Amino acid sequence: MKLGLIGGGFKPFTTGHFTLLSKAMADSDVVVVFYGLAGRKKGSGYNYTREMSKDVYEIVKAALERVYSGKVRVMLGVPTPIVTAFQAIEEVKNGTANHGVLSSVGIDPADVDEVAFFSSPEDLKPFQKHLGGPKEDKYFGDLHTTGRLSFVGVNSAGADLDDILAAVRHAYPESSDEDLTDLVQMRGSTFRGLISTRDEAKISKYLPNFLTPDEKKQIVTILLQGLSENLFRLYVQATLRENR
């Protein structure tokens, strides 16, 4: 079995995050999503509380496991998604479910031949800093040196855009490359700013298509609870930066 892992805070899970998942699904037999529930403080411009995050998580988890049954498993990343991903890799290294991470989603570590962690290039740093160092054996054993472990940087603004569009297209078969590029390049900060428009259709556009219209509407309703007076200003600033 080739196992794919992704993890993040997902505040919330947008079409940009779906890029990671789609690439992982294209390259793996089974993908485990480690989902964090950390909120955003009021002073950050958008008050996305832990309670809101949990409500969205429940909707996203049910939808992912319904649409991609047998292919995608979703679990909370406790204490954090990064820590849980390290634990999953350690279980593959040892061939035993010592942390219970993989067994909790029905995977026997002994059945995993290869494991890959998919993330944006900058978010791979906590993992890659141990490669070639004194702690590599502790965390990864010989998984990386023997080619059984890989860290895949997914950059939707880089040279691998064509591969990303191909991976995502199954969910948007009628969309043009231009429209797909807009979806996969959505950043969390820009999306949170977009919420200030209160335009449900515009917000829903950047919620992935594995969600039904009703599920998208539920999520939008939850997201609108977190509006603050500074949000529109942040949206404008993020839009200007991206258009430079």
Protein backbone atom coordinates (compact mmCIF):
# COMPACT_ATOMS: atom_id res chain seq x y z
CA MET A 1 0.00 0.00 0.00
CA LYS A 2 1.15 3.52 -0.80
CA LEU A 3 -0.08 5.83 1.95
CA GLY A 4 -0.53 9.58 1.50
CA LEU A 5 -0.72 12.01 4.41
CA ILE A 6 -1.83 15.62 4.56
CA GLY A 7 -2.45 17.83 7.57
CA GLY A 8 -3.36 21.36 8.51
CA GLY A 9 -5.49 23.74 10.49
CA PHE A 10 -7.87 24.25 7.53
CA LYS A 11 -9.56 27.49 8.60
CA PRO A 12 -11.64 26.29 6.76
CA PHE A 13 -11.00 23.58 4.13
CA THR A 14 -10.98 25.45 0.80
CA THR A 15 -10.35 24.64 -2.86
CA GLY A 16 -6.71 25.49 -2.18
CA HIS A 17 -6.49 22.70 0.41
CA PHE A 18 -8.34 20.41 -1.99
CA THR A 19 -5.32 20.81 -4.27
CA LEU A 20 -3.17 18.97 -1.72
CA LEU A 21 -5.75 16.26 -1.24
CA SER A 22 -6.24 15.73 -4.98
CA LYS A 23 -2.50 15.43 -5.57
CA ALA A 24 -2.22 12.97 -2.68
CA MET A 25 -5.13 10.90 -3.99
CA ALA A 26 -3.61 10.79 -7.47
CA ASP A 27 -0.33 9.44 -6.10
CA SER A 28 -1.56 7.17 -3.27
CA ASP A 29 -3.75 4.16 -2.58
CA VAL A 30 -5.15 5.64 0.63
CA VAL A 31 -4.92 9.18 2.04
CA VAL A 32 -5.25 10.18 5.68
CA VAL A 33 -6.17 13.80 6.44
CA PHE A 34 -5.06 15.10 9.84
CA TYR A 35 -7.39 17.99 10.63
CA GLY A 36 -6.55 20.60 13.27
CA LEU A 37 -9.15 22.50 15.28
CA ALA A 38 -7.11 25.51 16.37
CA GLY A 39 -9.05 28.76 16.13
CA ARG A 40 -7.94 32.26 15.13
CA LYS A 41 -7.88 35.01 17.75
CA LYS A 42 -10.10 38.06 17.42
CA GLY A 43 -7.07 40.29 16.96
CA SER A 44 -6.07 38.43 13.80
CA GLY A 45 -8.91 40.02 11.81
CA TYR A 46 -11.22 37.01 11.67
CA ASN A 47 -12.65 35.32 14.71
CA TYR A 48 -12.70 31.67 13.64
CA THR A 49 -13.36 29.90 16.92
CA ARG A 50 -12.56 26.32 17.86
CA GLU A 51 -16.30 25.65 18.05
CA MET A 52 -16.78 26.90 14.50
CA SER A 53 -13.81 24.84 13.34
CA LYS A 54 -15.26 21.70 14.92
CA ASP A 55 -18.65 22.27 13.27
CA VAL A 56 -17.01 22.68 9.85
CA TYR A 57 -14.78 19.66 10.49
CA GLU A 58 -17.79 17.41 11.08
CA ILE A 59 -19.32 18.46 7.75
CA VAL A 60 -16.06 18.13 5.80
CA LYS A 61 -15.19 14.74 7.32
CA ALA A 62 -18.59 13.26 6.53
CA ALA A 63 -18.51 14.58 2.96
CA LEU A 64 -14.95 13.43 2.20
CA GLU A 65 -15.52 9.93 3.54
CA ARG A 66 -18.82 9.71 1.64
CA VAL A 67 -17.51 10.89 -1.74
CA TYR A 68 -14.10 9.19 -1.51
CA SER A 69 -15.12 6.12 0.48
CA GLY A 70 -12.21 3.73 0.96
CA LYS A 71 -9.75 6.26 -0.49
CA VAL A 72 -9.77 9.05 2.11
CA ARG A 73 -9.90 8.82 5.90
CA VAL A 74 -10.16 11.90 8.10
CA MET A 75 -9.19 12.26 11.73
CA LEU A 76 -8.42 15.01 14.20
CA GLY A 77 -4.73 15.87 14.46
CA VAL A 78 -4.22 15.82 18.23
CA PRO A 79 -2.32 17.57 19.72
CA THR A 80 -1.50 19.02 16.28
CA PRO A 81 -1.65 17.72 12.70
CA ILE A 82 2.18 17.84 12.41
CA VAL A 83 2.69 15.79 15.58
CA THR A 84 0.11 13.26 14.42
CA ALA A 85 1.78 12.99 11.01
CA PHE A 86 5.13 12.31 12.71
CA GLN A 87 3.44 9.60 14.78
CA ALA A 88 1.94 7.99 11.67
CA ILE A 89 5.34 7.94 9.96
CA GLU A 90 6.89 6.45 13.08
CA GLU A 91 4.27 3.69 13.03
CA VAL A 92 5.20 2.87 9.43
CA LYS A 93 8.88 2.89 10.42
CA ASN A 94 8.24 0.44 13.27
CA GLY A 95 5.55 -1.58 11.50
CA THR A 96 3.39 -1.38 14.60
CA ALA A 97 0.45 0.76 15.71
CA ASN A 98 2.22 2.01 18.82
CA HIS A 99 0.45 5.40 18.78
CA GLY A 100 -2.84 4.06 17.43
CA VAL A 101 -2.93 6.78 14.77
CA LEU A 102 -3.23 4.58 11.69
CA SER A 103 -5.16 1.77 13.35
CA SER A 104 -7.82 4.30 14.39
CA VAL A 105 -8.63 4.78 10.68
CA GLY A 106 -8.39 1.09 9.83
CA ILE A 107 -4.81 0.95 8.51
CA ASP A 108 -2.25 -1.63 9.62
CA PRO A 109 1.21 0.04 9.51
CA ALA A 110 2.70 -3.31 8.47
CA ASP A 111 0.70 -3.11 5.22
CA VAL A 112 2.26 0.23 4.21
CA ASP A 113 5.03 -0.13 1.64
CA GLU A 114 5.51 3.59 0.98
CA VAL A 115 4.39 6.76 2.75
CA ALA A 116 4.38 10.32 1.47
CA PHE A 117 3.51 13.59 3.17
CA PHE A 118 1.99 16.23 0.87
CA SER A 119 2.16 19.90 1.75
CA SER A 120 3.07 23.34 0.49
CA PRO A 121 6.88 23.55 0.16
CA GLU A 122 7.22 25.92 3.13
CA ASP A 123 5.20 23.66 5.43
CA LEU A 124 7.54 20.72 4.78
CA LYS A 125 10.34 22.35 6.79
CA PRO A 126 9.48 20.70 10.16
CA PHE A 127 9.91 17.31 8.51
CA GLN A 128 12.83 17.95 6.19
CA LYS A 129 15.02 19.58 8.82
CA HIS A 130 15.71 16.11 10.25
CA LEU A 131 16.81 14.59 6.95
CA GLY A 132 20.54 13.88 6.95
CA GLY A 133 20.81 14.94 10.58
CA PRO A 134 21.34 13.14 13.90
CA LYS A 135 17.59 12.75 14.50
CA GLU A 136 16.73 11.20 11.14
CA ASP A 137 16.97 7.67 12.47
CA LYS A 138 14.85 8.52 15.50
CA TYR A 139 11.99 9.89 13.43
CA PHE A 140 12.29 8.08 10.10
CA GLY A 141 14.65 5.13 10.50
CA ASP A 142 15.78 4.11 7.01
CA LEU A 143 12.45 4.97 5.37
CA HIS A 144 13.81 7.98 3.51
CA THR A 145 17.19 6.55 2.57
CA THR A 146 15.54 3.44 1.12
CA GLY A 147 12.98 5.47 -0.83
CA ARG A 148 9.94 4.38 1.18
CA LEU A 149 9.33 7.88 2.59
CA SER A 150 8.95 11.07 0.57
CA PHE A 151 7.94 14.65 1.24
CA VAL A 152 6.05 16.16 -1.66
CA GLY A 153 5.89 19.92 -2.03
CA VAL A 154 2.75 20.97 -3.89
CA ASN A 155 3.12 24.48 -5.31
CA SER A 156 0.07 25.63 -7.26
CA ALA A 157 1.95 28.73 -8.38
CA GLY A 158 4.95 26.76 -9.64
CA ALA A 159 6.04 24.53 -12.48
CA ASP A 160 3.83 21.61 -11.40
CA LEU A 161 0.58 23.54 -12.05
CA ASP A 162 -0.38 21.30 -14.99
CA ASP A 163 -0.10 18.17 -12.81
CA ILE A 164 -2.19 19.85 -10.13
CA LEU A 165 -4.91 20.84 -12.57
CA ALA A 166 -5.02 17.27 -13.88
CA ALA A 167 -5.42 15.94 -10.33
CA VAL A 168 -8.23 18.36 -9.46
CA ARG A 169 -10.14 18.14 -12.73
CA HIS A 170 -12.19 15.09 -11.69
CA ALA A 171 -14.17 17.36 -9.36
CA TYR A 172 -14.57 20.16 -11.92
CA PRO A 173 -14.92 18.41 -15.32
CA GLU A 174 -16.57 21.41 -17.02
CA SER A 175 -14.14 24.06 -15.76
CA SER A 176 -11.54 25.76 -17.92
CA ASP A 177 -7.86 25.75 -16.98
CA GLU A 178 -8.20 29.43 -16.07
CA ASP A 179 -11.08 28.77 -13.67
CA LEU A 180 -9.32 25.75 -12.16
CA THR A 181 -6.16 27.79 -11.63
CA ASP A 182 -8.20 30.37 -9.73
CA LEU A 183 -9.62 27.64 -7.49
CA VAL A 184 -6.37 25.82 -6.70
CA GLN A 185 -4.50 29.04 -5.94
CA MET A 186 -6.96 30.22 -3.30
CA ARG A 187 -5.09 31.07 -0.10
CA GLY A 188 -6.62 30.85 3.37
CA SER A 189 -6.02 34.52 4.19
CA THR A 190 -7.68 35.64 0.97
CA PHE A 191 -10.63 33.32 1.55
CA ARG A 192 -11.17 34.59 5.09
CA GLY A 193 -11.17 38.12 3.72
CA LEU A 194 -13.68 37.10 1.07
CA ILE A 195 -16.16 36.23 3.81
CA SER A 196 -16.59 39.96 4.50
CA THR A 197 -18.49 40.30 1.21
CA ARG A 198 -21.31 38.19 2.65
CA ASP A 199 -21.79 36.95 -0.90
CA GLU A 200 -22.76 33.32 -0.33
CA ALA A 201 -22.29 32.34 -3.98
CA LYS A 202 -18.80 33.82 -4.07
CA ILE A 203 -17.80 32.17 -0.78
CA SER A 204 -19.29 28.82 -1.84
CA LYS A 205 -17.27 28.90 -5.06
CA TYR A 206 -14.09 28.32 -3.07
CA LEU A 207 -15.52 25.49 -0.96
CA PRO A 208 -14.63 22.17 -2.68
CA ASN A 209 -17.13 20.35 -4.85
CA PHE A 210 -17.12 17.18 -2.74
CA LEU A 211 -19.53 19.20 -0.58
CA THR A 212 -23.19 19.30 -1.56
CA PRO A 213 -24.89 22.71 -2.04
CA ASP A 214 -26.60 22.22 1.32
CA GLU A 215 -23.30 21.39 3.05
CA LYS A 216 -21.70 24.46 1.50
CA LYS A 217 -24.59 26.59 2.76
CA GLN A 218 -24.17 25.17 6.27
CA ILE A 219 -20.46 26.01 6.22
CA VAL A 220 -21.06 29.54 4.91
CA THR A 221 -23.55 30.15 7.72
CA ILE A 222 -20.94 29.02 10.25
CA LEU A 223 -18.22 31.16 8.66
CA LEU A 224 -20.29 34.34 8.73
CA GLN A 225 -20.32 34.10 12.53
CA GLY A 226 -16.66 35.08 12.58
CA LEU A 227 -16.85 38.45 10.81
CA SER A 228 -15.01 41.39 12.34
CA GLU A 229 -14.73 45.04 11.39
CA ASN A 230 -11.13 44.59 10.17
CA LEU A 231 -11.89 41.73 7.78
CA PHE A 232 -12.71 43.72 4.65
CA ARG A 233 -9.49 45.73 4.98
CA LEU A 234 -7.47 42.50 5.16
CA TYR A 235 -9.28 41.14 2.10
CA VAL A 236 -8.42 44.23 0.06
CA GLN A 237 -4.77 44.10 1.18
CA ALA A 238 -4.45 40.40 0.28
CA THR A 239 -6.06 40.99 -3.12
CA LEU A 240 -3.69 43.84 -3.90
CA ARG A 241 -0.66 41.74 -2.95
CA GLU A 242 -1.75 38.87 -5.19
CA ASN A 243 -2.35 41.20 -8.16
CA ARG A 244 1.09 42.84 -8.05
